[in-house]
């Protein structure tokens, strides 16, 4: 079960860091509350919710491959959000 706990922590840390980075970039550029920043934050929150639902899903035949897929999705979504963040700054 430590794998599930670690995966949940990874999801929380990655997406939390992206949200924090949005606030830092906006503050550095004097653009607090920009629509682009809000869009990135909303996407991060939505991704968080979706991934946590997938992690908590109980009726799975192959748990190992399911969690691997969730981790890969986190990586892909994280990269997409970081690319959007880089365009913000």
PDB file of N, CA and C in Angstrom:
ATOM      1  N   UNK A   1       0.801  -1.206   0.000  1.00  0.00           N
ATOM      2  CA  UNK A   1       0.000   0.000   0.000  1.00  0.00           C
ATOM      3  C   UNK A   1       0.847   1.275   0.000  1.00  0.00           C
ATOM      4  N   UNK A   2       2.127   1.126   0.299  1.00  0.00           N
ATOM      5  CA  UNK A   2       2.997   2.307   0.282  1.00  0.00           C
ATOM      6  C   UNK A   2       3.052   2.911  -1.114  1.00  0.00           C
ATOM      7  N   UNK A   3       2.894   2.080  -2.132  1.00  0.00           N
ATOM      8  CA  UNK A   3       2.920   2.562  -3.506  1.00  0.00           C
ATOM      9  C   UNK A   3       1.775   3.544  -3.761  1.00  0.00           C
ATOM     10  N   UNK A   4       0.599   3.232  -3.247  1.00  0.00           N
ATOM     11  CA  UNK A   4      -0.558   4.118  -3.421  1.00  0.00           C
ATOM     12  C   UNK A   4      -0.307   5.441  -2.698  1.00  0.00           C
ATOM     13  N   UNK A   5       0.210   5.349  -1.489  1.00  0.00           N
ATOM     14  CA  UNK A   5       0.485   6.550  -0.701  1.00  0.00           C
ATOM     15  C   UNK A   5       1.517   7.426  -1.412  1.00  0.00           C
ATOM     16  N   UNK A   6       2.577   6.802  -1.925  1.00  0.00           N
ATOM     17  CA  UNK A   6       3.605   7.558  -2.646  1.00  0.00           C
ATOM     18  C   UNK A   6       3.046   8.194  -3.915  1.00  0.00           C
ATOM     19  N   UNK A   7       2.192   7.470  -4.615  1.00  0.00           N
ATOM     20  CA  UNK A   7       1.591   8.009  -5.830  1.00  0.00           C
ATOM     21  C   UNK A   7       0.712   9.215  -5.510  1.00  0.00           C
ATOM     22  N   UNK A   8      -0.065   9.128  -4.441  1.00  0.00           N
ATOM     23  CA  UNK A   8      -0.902  10.261  -4.035  1.00  0.00           C
ATOM     24  C   UNK A   8      -0.044  11.463  -3.655  1.00  0.00           C
ATOM     25  N   UNK A   9       1.063  11.219  -2.957  1.00  0.00           N
ATOM     26  CA  UNK A   9       1.974  12.305  -2.594  1.00  0.00           C
ATOM     27  C   UNK A   9       2.573  12.941  -3.841  1.00  0.00           C
ATOM     28  N   UNK A  10       2.984  12.108  -4.802  1.00  0.00           N
ATOM     29  CA  UNK A  10       3.560  12.627  -6.044  1.00  0.00           C
ATOM     30  C   UNK A  10       2.557  13.512  -6.776  1.00  0.00           C
ATOM     31  N   UNK A  11       1.318  13.047  -6.856  1.00  0.00           N
ATOM     32  CA  UNK A  11       0.270  13.833  -7.524  1.00  0.00           C
ATOM     33  C   UNK A  11       0.123  15.176  -6.823  1.00  0.00           C
ATOM     34  N   UNK A  12       0.049  15.145  -5.514  1.00  0.00           N
ATOM     35  CA  UNK A  12      -0.132  16.368  -4.736  1.00  0.00           C
ATOM     36  C   UNK A  12       1.054  17.316  -4.900  1.00  0.00           C
ATOM     37  N   UNK A  13       2.271  16.800  -4.800  1.00  0.00           N
ATOM     38  CA  UNK A  13       3.454  17.647  -4.889  1.00  0.00           C
ATOM     39  C   UNK A  13       3.623  18.246  -6.287  1.00  0.00           C
ATOM     40  N   UNK A  14       3.477  17.432  -7.308  1.00  0.00           N
ATOM     41  CA  UNK A  14       3.695  17.915  -8.677  1.00  0.00           C
ATOM     42  C   UNK A  14       2.696  19.013  -9.020  1.00  0.00           C
ATOM     43  N   UNK A  15       1.425  18.733  -8.804  1.00  0.00           N
ATOM     44  CA  UNK A  15       0.405  19.713  -9.186  1.00  0.00           C
ATOM     45  C   UNK A  15       0.400  20.910  -8.239  1.00  0.00           C
ATOM     46  N   UNK A  16       0.712  20.693  -6.976  1.00  0.00           N
ATOM     47  CA  UNK A  16       0.826  21.809  -6.034  1.00  0.00           C
ATOM     48  C   UNK A  16       1.974  22.739  -6.401  1.00  0.00           C
ATOM     49  N   UNK A  17       3.094  22.156  -6.814  1.00  0.00           N
ATOM     50  CA  UNK A  17       4.236  22.970  -7.230  1.00  0.00           C
ATOM     51  C   UNK A  17       3.923  23.776  -8.491  1.00  0.00           C
ATOM     52  N   UNK A  18       3.165  23.194  -9.394  1.00  0.00           N
ATOM     53  CA  UNK A  18       2.784  23.922 -10.613  1.00  0.00           C
ATOM     54  C   UNK A  18       1.904  25.117 -10.257  1.00  0.00           C
ATOM     55  N   UNK A  19       0.938  24.899  -9.360  1.00  0.00           N
ATOM     56  CA  UNK A  19       0.057  25.998  -8.940  1.00  0.00           C
ATOM     57  C   UNK A  19       0.879  27.093  -8.253  1.00  0.00           C
ATOM     58  N   UNK A  20       1.789  26.698  -7.395  1.00  0.00           N
ATOM     59  CA  UNK A  20       2.638  27.669  -6.715  1.00  0.00           C
ATOM     60  C   UNK A  20       3.501  28.440  -7.711  1.00  0.00           C
ATOM     61  N   UNK A  21       4.000  27.743  -8.720  1.00  0.00           N
ATOM     62  CA  UNK A  21       4.822  28.398  -9.735  1.00  0.00           C
ATOM     63  C   UNK A  21       4.018  29.435 -10.518  1.00  0.00           C
ATOM     64  N   UNK A  22       2.744  29.157 -10.761  1.00  0.00           N
ATOM     65  CA  UNK A  22       1.886  30.131 -11.448  1.00  0.00           C
ATOM     66  C   UNK A  22       1.825  31.420 -10.638  1.00  0.00           C
ATOM     67  N   UNK A  23       1.608  31.287  -9.324  1.00  0.00           N
ATOM     68  CA  UNK A  23       1.536  32.478  -8.470  1.00  0.00           C
ATOM     69  C   UNK A  23       2.867  33.236  -8.458  1.00  0.00           C
ATOM     70  N   UNK A  24       3.970  32.513  -8.458  1.00  0.00           N
ATOM     71  CA  UNK A  24       5.285  33.157  -8.440  1.00  0.00           C
ATOM     72  C   UNK A  24       5.539  33.909  -9.749  1.00  0.00           C
ATOM     73  N   UNK A  25       5.230  33.269 -10.873  1.00  0.00           N
ATOM     74  CA  UNK A  25       5.431  33.912 -12.178  1.00  0.00           C
ATOM     75  C   UNK A  25       4.536  35.138 -12.307  1.00  0.00           C
ATOM     76  N   UNK A  26       3.298  35.012 -11.870  1.00  0.00           N
ATOM     77  CA  UNK A  26       2.389  36.168 -11.949  1.00  0.00           C
ATOM     78  C   UNK A  26       2.875  37.309 -11.067  1.00  0.00           C
ATOM     79  N   UNK A  27       3.356  36.995  -9.878  1.00  0.00           N
ATOM     80  CA  UNK A  27       3.845  38.041  -8.981  1.00  0.00           C
ATOM     81  C   UNK A  27       5.102  38.696  -9.555  1.00  0.00           C
ATOM     82  N   UNK A  28       5.965  37.911 -10.152  1.00  0.00           N
ATOM     83  CA  UNK A  28       7.194  38.456 -10.716  1.00  0.00           C
ATOM     84  C   UNK A  28       6.921  39.370 -11.907  1.00  0.00           C
ATOM     85  N   UNK A  29       5.856  39.079 -12.633  1.00  0.00           N
ATOM     86  CA  UNK A  29       5.525  39.862 -13.827  1.00  0.00           C
ATOM     87  C   UNK A  29       4.398  40.859 -13.592  1.00  0.00           C
ATOM     88  N   UNK A  30       3.992  41.039 -12.351  1.00  0.00           N
ATOM     89  CA  UNK A  30       2.887  41.938 -11.988  1.00  0.00           C
ATOM     90  C   UNK A  30       1.600  41.618 -12.752  1.00  0.00           C
ATOM     91  N   UNK A  31       1.280  40.357 -12.858  1.00  0.00           N
ATOM     92  CA  UNK A  31       0.079  39.914 -13.570  1.00  0.00           C
ATOM     93  C   UNK A  31      -0.813  39.062 -12.663  1.00  0.00           C
ATOM     94  N   UNK A  32      -0.942  39.413 -11.396  1.00  0.00           N
ATOM     95  CA  UNK A  32      -1.748  38.609 -10.481  1.00  0.00           C
ATOM     96  C   UNK A  32      -3.172  38.467 -10.997  1.00  0.00           C
ATOM     97  N   UNK A  33      -3.667  37.212 -10.974  1.00  0.00           N
ATOM     98  CA  UNK A  33      -5.040  36.949 -11.378  1.00  0.00           C
ATOM     99  C   UNK A  33      -5.269  36.951 -12.877  1.00  0.00           C
ATOM    100  N   UNK A  34      -4.245  36.705 -13.669  1.00  0.00           N
ATOM    101  CA  UNK A  34      -4.420  36.696 -15.117  1.00  0.00           C
ATOM    102  C   UNK A  34      -5.275  35.504 -15.543  1.00  0.00           C
ATOM    103  N   UNK A  35      -5.964  35.666 -16.659  1.00  0.00           N
ATOM    104  CA  UNK A  35      -6.825  34.590 -17.161  1.00  0.00           C
ATOM    105  C   UNK A  35      -6.014  33.358 -17.537  1.00  0.00           C
ATOM    106  N   UNK A  36      -4.825  33.567 -18.081  1.00  0.00           N
ATOM    107  CA  UNK A  36      -3.972  32.434 -18.458  1.00  0.00           C
ATOM    108  C   UNK A  36      -3.541  31.658 -17.223  1.00  0.00           C
ATOM    109  N   UNK A  37      -3.174  32.388 -16.173  1.00  0.00           N
ATOM    110  CA  UNK A  37      -2.772  31.746 -14.923  1.00  0.00           C
ATOM    111  C   UNK A  37      -3.914  30.982 -14.287  1.00  0.00           C
ATOM    112  N   UNK A  38      -5.097  31.586 -14.300  1.00  0.00           N
ATOM    113  CA  UNK A  38      -6.275  30.914 -13.745  1.00  0.00           C
ATOM    114  C   UNK A  38      -6.598  29.641 -14.518  1.00  0.00           C
ATOM    115  N   UNK A  39      -6.397  29.680 -15.819  1.00  0.00           N
ATOM    116  CA  UNK A  39      -6.656  28.502 -16.645  1.00  0.00           C
ATOM    117  C   UNK A  39      -5.701  27.367 -16.275  1.00  0.00           C
ATOM    118  N   UNK A  40      -4.434  27.692 -16.064  1.00  0.00           N
ATOM    119  CA  UNK A  40      -3.452  26.684 -15.678  1.00  0.00           C
ATOM    120  C   UNK A  40      -3.803  26.102 -14.306  1.00  0.00           C
ATOM    121  N   UNK A  41      -4.174  26.959 -13.375  1.00  0.00           N
ATOM    122  CA  UNK A  41      -4.538  26.500 -12.026  1.00  0.00           C
ATOM    123  C   UNK A  41      -5.776  25.616 -12.082  1.00  0.00           C
ATOM    124  N   UNK A  42      -6.781  26.025 -12.846  1.00  0.00           N
ATOM    125  CA  UNK A  42      -7.991  25.211 -12.985  1.00  0.00           C
ATOM    126  C   UNK A  42      -7.684  23.851 -13.600  1.00  0.00           C
ATOM    127  N   UNK A  43      -6.793  23.836 -14.585  1.00  0.00           N
ATOM    128  CA  UNK A  43      -6.395  22.566 -15.210  1.00  0.00           C
ATOM    129  C   UNK A  43      -5.660  21.680 -14.217  1.00  0.00           C
ATOM    130  N   UNK A  44      -4.804  22.261 -13.393  1.00  0.00           N
ATOM    131  CA  UNK A  44      -4.062  21.492 -12.393  1.00  0.00           C
ATOM    132  C   UNK A  44      -5.008  20.895 -11.361  1.00  0.00           C
ATOM    133  N   UNK A  45      -5.979  21.668 -10.930  1.00  0.00           N
ATOM    134  CA  UNK A  45      -6.952  21.175  -9.950  1.00  0.00           C
ATOM    135  C   UNK A  45      -7.803  20.068 -10.551  1.00  0.00           C
ATOM    136  N   UNK A  46      -8.236  20.253 -11.774  1.00  0.00           N
ATOM    137  CA  UNK A  46      -9.024  19.242 -12.461  1.00  0.00           C
ATOM    138  C   UNK A  46      -8.223  17.946 -12.645  1.00  0.00           C
ATOM    139  N   UNK A  47      -6.960  18.088 -13.030  1.00  0.00           N
ATOM    140  CA  UNK A  47      -6.085  16.927 -13.191  1.00  0.00           C
ATOM    141  C   UNK A  47      -5.905  16.213 -11.859  1.00  0.00           C
ATOM    142  N   UNK A  48      -5.713  16.980 -10.795  1.00  0.00           N
ATOM    143  CA  UNK A  48      -5.581  16.399  -9.458  1.00  0.00           C
ATOM    144  C   UNK A  48      -6.813  15.567  -9.109  1.00  0.00           C
ATOM    145  N   UNK A  49      -7.977  16.156  -9.293  1.00  0.00           N
ATOM    146  CA  UNK A  49      -9.223  15.452  -8.972  1.00  0.00           C
ATOM    147  C   UNK A  49      -9.360  14.168  -9.784  1.00  0.00           C
ATOM    148  N   UNK A  50      -9.085  14.241 -11.078  1.00  0.00           N
ATOM    149  CA  UNK A  50      -9.207  13.067 -11.947  1.00  0.00           C
ATOM    150  C   UNK A  50      -8.244  11.958 -11.535  1.00  0.00           C
ATOM    151  N   UNK A  51      -7.005  12.326 -11.254  1.00  0.00           N
ATOM    152  CA  UNK A  51      -6.006  11.315 -10.908  1.00  0.00           C
ATOM    153  C   UNK A  51      -6.283  10.679  -9.553  1.00  0.00           C
ATOM    154  N   UNK A  52      -6.741  11.458  -8.587  1.00  0.00           N
ATOM    155  CA  UNK A  52      -7.060  10.898  -7.275  1.00  0.00           C
ATOM    156  C   UNK A  52      -8.232   9.923  -7.382  1.00  0.00           C
ATOM    157  N   UNK A  53      -9.221  10.249  -8.207  1.00  0.00           N
ATOM    158  CA  UNK A  53     -10.342   9.325  -8.418  1.00  0.00           C
ATOM    159  C   UNK A  53      -9.831   8.016  -9.007  1.00  0.00           C
ATOM    160  N   UNK A  54      -8.906   8.111  -9.954  1.00  0.00           N
ATOM    161  CA  UNK A  54      -8.349   6.896 -10.566  1.00  0.00           C
ATOM    162  C   UNK A  54      -7.536   6.086  -9.569  1.00  0.00           C
ATOM    163  N   UNK A  55      -6.782   6.747  -8.720  1.00  0.00           N
ATOM    164  CA  UNK A  55      -5.976   6.039  -7.720  1.00  0.00           C
ATOM    165  C   UNK A  55      -6.884   5.326  -6.716  1.00  0.00           C
ATOM    166  N   UNK A  56      -7.989   5.957  -6.337  1.00  0.00           N
ATOM    167  CA  UNK A  56      -8.883   5.393  -5.337  1.00  0.00           C
ATOM    168  C   UNK A  56      -9.849   4.349  -5.892  1.00  0.00           C
ATOM    169  N   UNK A  57      -9.818   4.135  -7.180  1.00  0.00           N
ATOM    170  CA  UNK A  57     -10.703   3.160  -7.805  1.00  0.00           C
ATOM    171  C   UNK A  57     -10.393   1.762  -7.267  1.00  0.00           C
ATOM    172  N   UNK A  58     -11.407   1.034  -6.856  1.00  0.00           N
ATOM    173  CA  UNK A  58     -11.207  -0.255  -6.191  1.00  0.00           C
ATOM    174  C   UNK A  58     -11.352  -1.467  -7.112  1.00  0.00           C
ATOM    175  N   UNK A  59     -12.205  -1.400  -8.087  1.00  0.00           N
ATOM    176  CA  UNK A  59     -12.515  -2.579  -8.908  1.00  0.00           C
ATOM    177  C   UNK A  59     -11.588  -2.683 -10.122  1.00  0.00           C
ATOM    178  N   UNK A  60     -10.317  -2.963  -9.837  1.00  0.00           N
ATOM    179  CA  UNK A  60      -9.302  -3.040 -10.880  1.00  0.00           C
ATOM    180  C   UNK A  60      -8.710  -4.448 -10.861  1.00  0.00           C
ATOM    181  N   UNK A  61      -8.537  -5.012 -12.048  1.00  0.00           N
ATOM    182  CA  UNK A  61      -7.967  -6.359 -12.120  1.00  0.00           C
ATOM    183  C   UNK A  61      -6.460  -6.328 -11.935  1.00  0.00           C
ATOM    184  N   UNK A  62      -5.764  -5.501 -12.695  1.00  0.00           N
ATOM    185  CA  UNK A  62      -4.306  -5.441 -12.606  1.00  0.00           C
ATOM    186  C   UNK A  62      -3.907  -4.096 -12.004  1.00  0.00           C
ATOM    187  N   UNK A  63      -3.749  -4.065 -10.689  1.00  0.00           N
ATOM    188  CA  UNK A  63      -3.485  -2.816  -9.977  1.00  0.00           C
ATOM    189  C   UNK A  63      -2.140  -2.203 -10.380  1.00  0.00           C
ATOM    190  N   UNK A  64      -1.143  -3.039 -10.595  1.00  0.00           N
ATOM    191  CA  UNK A  64       0.191  -2.543 -10.915  1.00  0.00           C
ATOM    192  C   UNK A  64       0.187  -1.758 -12.228  1.00  0.00           C
ATOM    193  N   UNK A  65      -0.438  -2.321 -13.248  1.00  0.00           N
ATOM    194  CA  UNK A  65      -0.471  -1.614 -14.535  1.00  0.00           C
ATOM    195  C   UNK A  65      -1.382  -0.387 -14.467  1.00  0.00           C
ATOM    196  N   UNK A  66      -2.424  -0.462 -13.652  1.00  0.00           N
ATOM    197  CA  UNK A  66      -3.327   0.689 -13.485  1.00  0.00           C
ATOM    198  C   UNK A  66      -2.571   1.867 -12.870  1.00  0.00           C
ATOM    199  N   UNK A  67      -1.808   1.599 -11.810  1.00  0.00           N
ATOM    200  CA  UNK A  67      -1.058   2.666 -11.151  1.00  0.00           C
ATOM    201  C   UNK A  67       0.062   3.184 -12.045  1.00  0.00           C
ATOM    202  N   UNK A  68       0.641   2.312 -12.836  1.00  0.00           N
ATOM    203  CA  UNK A  68       1.662   2.749 -13.791  1.00  0.00           C
ATOM    204  C   UNK A  68       1.044   3.711 -14.802  1.00  0.00           C
ATOM    205  N   UNK A  69      -0.160   3.404 -15.260  1.00  0.00           N
ATOM    206  CA  UNK A  69      -0.864   4.283 -16.187  1.00  0.00           C
ATOM    207  C   UNK A  69      -1.185   5.629 -15.563  1.00  0.00           C
ATOM    208  N   UNK A  70      -1.589   5.611 -14.286  1.00  0.00           N
ATOM    209  CA  UNK A  70      -1.886   6.864 -13.583  1.00  0.00           C
ATOM    210  C   UNK A  70      -0.611   7.701 -13.459  1.00  0.00           C
ATOM    211  N   UNK A  71       0.497   7.051 -13.129  1.00  0.00           N
ATOM    212  CA  UNK A  71       1.767   7.765 -13.004  1.00  0.00           C
ATOM    213  C   UNK A  71       2.194   8.377 -14.348  1.00  0.00           C
ATOM    214  N   UNK A  72       1.995   7.621 -15.433  1.00  0.00           N
ATOM    215  CA  UNK A  72       2.326   8.133 -16.765  1.00  0.00           C
ATOM    216  C   UNK A  72       1.432   9.307 -17.136  1.00  0.00           C
ATOM    217  N   UNK A  73       0.163   9.222 -16.769  1.00  0.00           N
ATOM    218  CA  UNK A  73      -0.757  10.328 -17.039  1.00  0.00           C
ATOM    219  C   UNK A  73      -0.355  11.568 -16.244  1.00  0.00           C
ATOM    220  N   UNK A  74       0.074  11.374 -14.997  1.00  0.00           N
ATOM    221  CA  UNK A  74       0.558  12.499 -14.192  1.00  0.00           C
ATOM    222  C   UNK A  74       1.748  13.158 -14.870  1.00  0.00           C
ATOM    223  N   UNK A  75       2.664  12.341 -15.362  1.00  0.00           N
ATOM    224  CA  UNK A  75       3.848  12.879 -16.031  1.00  0.00           C
ATOM    225  C   UNK A  75       3.470  13.675 -17.277  1.00  0.00           C
ATOM    226  N   UNK A  76       2.569  13.130 -18.079  1.00  0.00           N
ATOM    227  CA  UNK A  76       2.148  13.801 -19.312  1.00  0.00           C
ATOM    228  C   UNK A  76       1.420  15.106 -19.006  1.00  0.00           C
ATOM    229  N   UNK A  77       0.454  15.053 -18.087  1.00  0.00           N
ATOM    230  CA  UNK A  77      -0.314  16.249 -17.740  1.00  0.00           C
ATOM    231  C   UNK A  77       0.601  17.299 -17.092  1.00  0.00           C
ATOM    232  N   UNK A  78       1.539  16.841 -16.254  1.00  0.00           N
ATOM    233  CA  UNK A  78       2.478  17.768 -15.623  1.00  0.00           C
ATOM    234  C   UNK A  78       3.324  18.493 -16.655  1.00  0.00           C
ATOM    235  N   UNK A  79       3.819  17.757 -17.639  1.00  0.00           N
ATOM    236  CA  UNK A  79       4.621  18.382 -18.697  1.00  0.00           C
ATOM    237  C   UNK A  79       3.801  19.391 -19.487  1.00  0.00           C
ATOM    238  N   UNK A  80       2.552  19.046 -19.786  1.00  0.00           N
ATOM    239  CA  UNK A  80       1.686  19.973 -20.521  1.00  0.00           C
ATOM    240  C   UNK A  80       1.458  21.258 -19.722  1.00  0.00           C
ATOM    241  N   UNK A  81       1.207  21.109 -18.418  1.00  0.00           N
ATOM    242  CA  UNK A  81       0.972  22.278 -17.592  1.00  0.00           C
ATOM    243  C   UNK A  81       2.241  23.130 -17.455  1.00  0.00           C
ATOM    244  N   UNK A  82       3.387  22.497 -17.382  1.00  0.00           N
ATOM    245  CA  UNK A  82       4.650  23.228 -17.289  1.00  0.00           C
ATOM    246  C   UNK A  82       4.922  24.002 -18.578  1.00  0.00           C
ATOM    247  N   UNK A  83       4.584  23.393 -19.730  1.00  0.00           N
ATOM    248  CA  UNK A  83       4.734  24.107 -20.995  1.00  0.00           C
ATOM    249  C   UNK A  83       3.844  25.354 -21.019  1.00  0.00           C
ATOM    250  N   UNK A  84       2.615  25.227 -20.539  1.00  0.00           N
ATOM    251  CA  UNK A  84       1.713  26.378 -20.463  1.00  0.00           C
ATOM    252  C   UNK A  84       2.272  27.424 -19.511  1.00  0.00           C
ATOM    253  N   UNK A  85       2.843  26.979 -18.400  1.00  0.00           N
ATOM    254  CA  UNK A  85       3.436  27.876 -17.425  1.00  0.00           C
ATOM    255  C   UNK A  85       4.606  28.643 -18.020  1.00  0.00           C
ATOM    256  N   UNK A  86       5.425  27.957 -18.804  1.00  0.00           N
ATOM    257  CA  UNK A  86       6.575  28.619 -19.441  1.00  0.00           C
ATOM    258  C   UNK A  86       6.127  29.700 -20.412  1.00  0.00           C
ATOM    259  N   UNK A  87       5.005  29.488 -21.075  1.00  0.00           N
ATOM    260  CA  UNK A  87       4.471  30.499 -21.991  1.00  0.00           C
ATOM    261  C   UNK A  87       3.915  31.690 -21.225  1.00  0.00           C
ATOM    262  N   UNK A  88       3.490  31.457 -19.984  1.00  0.00           N
ATOM    263  CA  UNK A  88       2.933  32.522 -19.144  1.00  0.00           C
ATOM    264  C   UNK A  88       4.003  33.541 -18.782  1.00  0.00           C
ATOM    265  N   UNK A  89       5.201  33.077 -18.512  1.00  0.00           N
ATOM    266  CA  UNK A  89       6.286  33.953 -18.058  1.00  0.00           C
ATOM    267  C   UNK A  89       7.024  34.548 -19.153  1.00  0.00           C
TER     268      UNK A  89
END
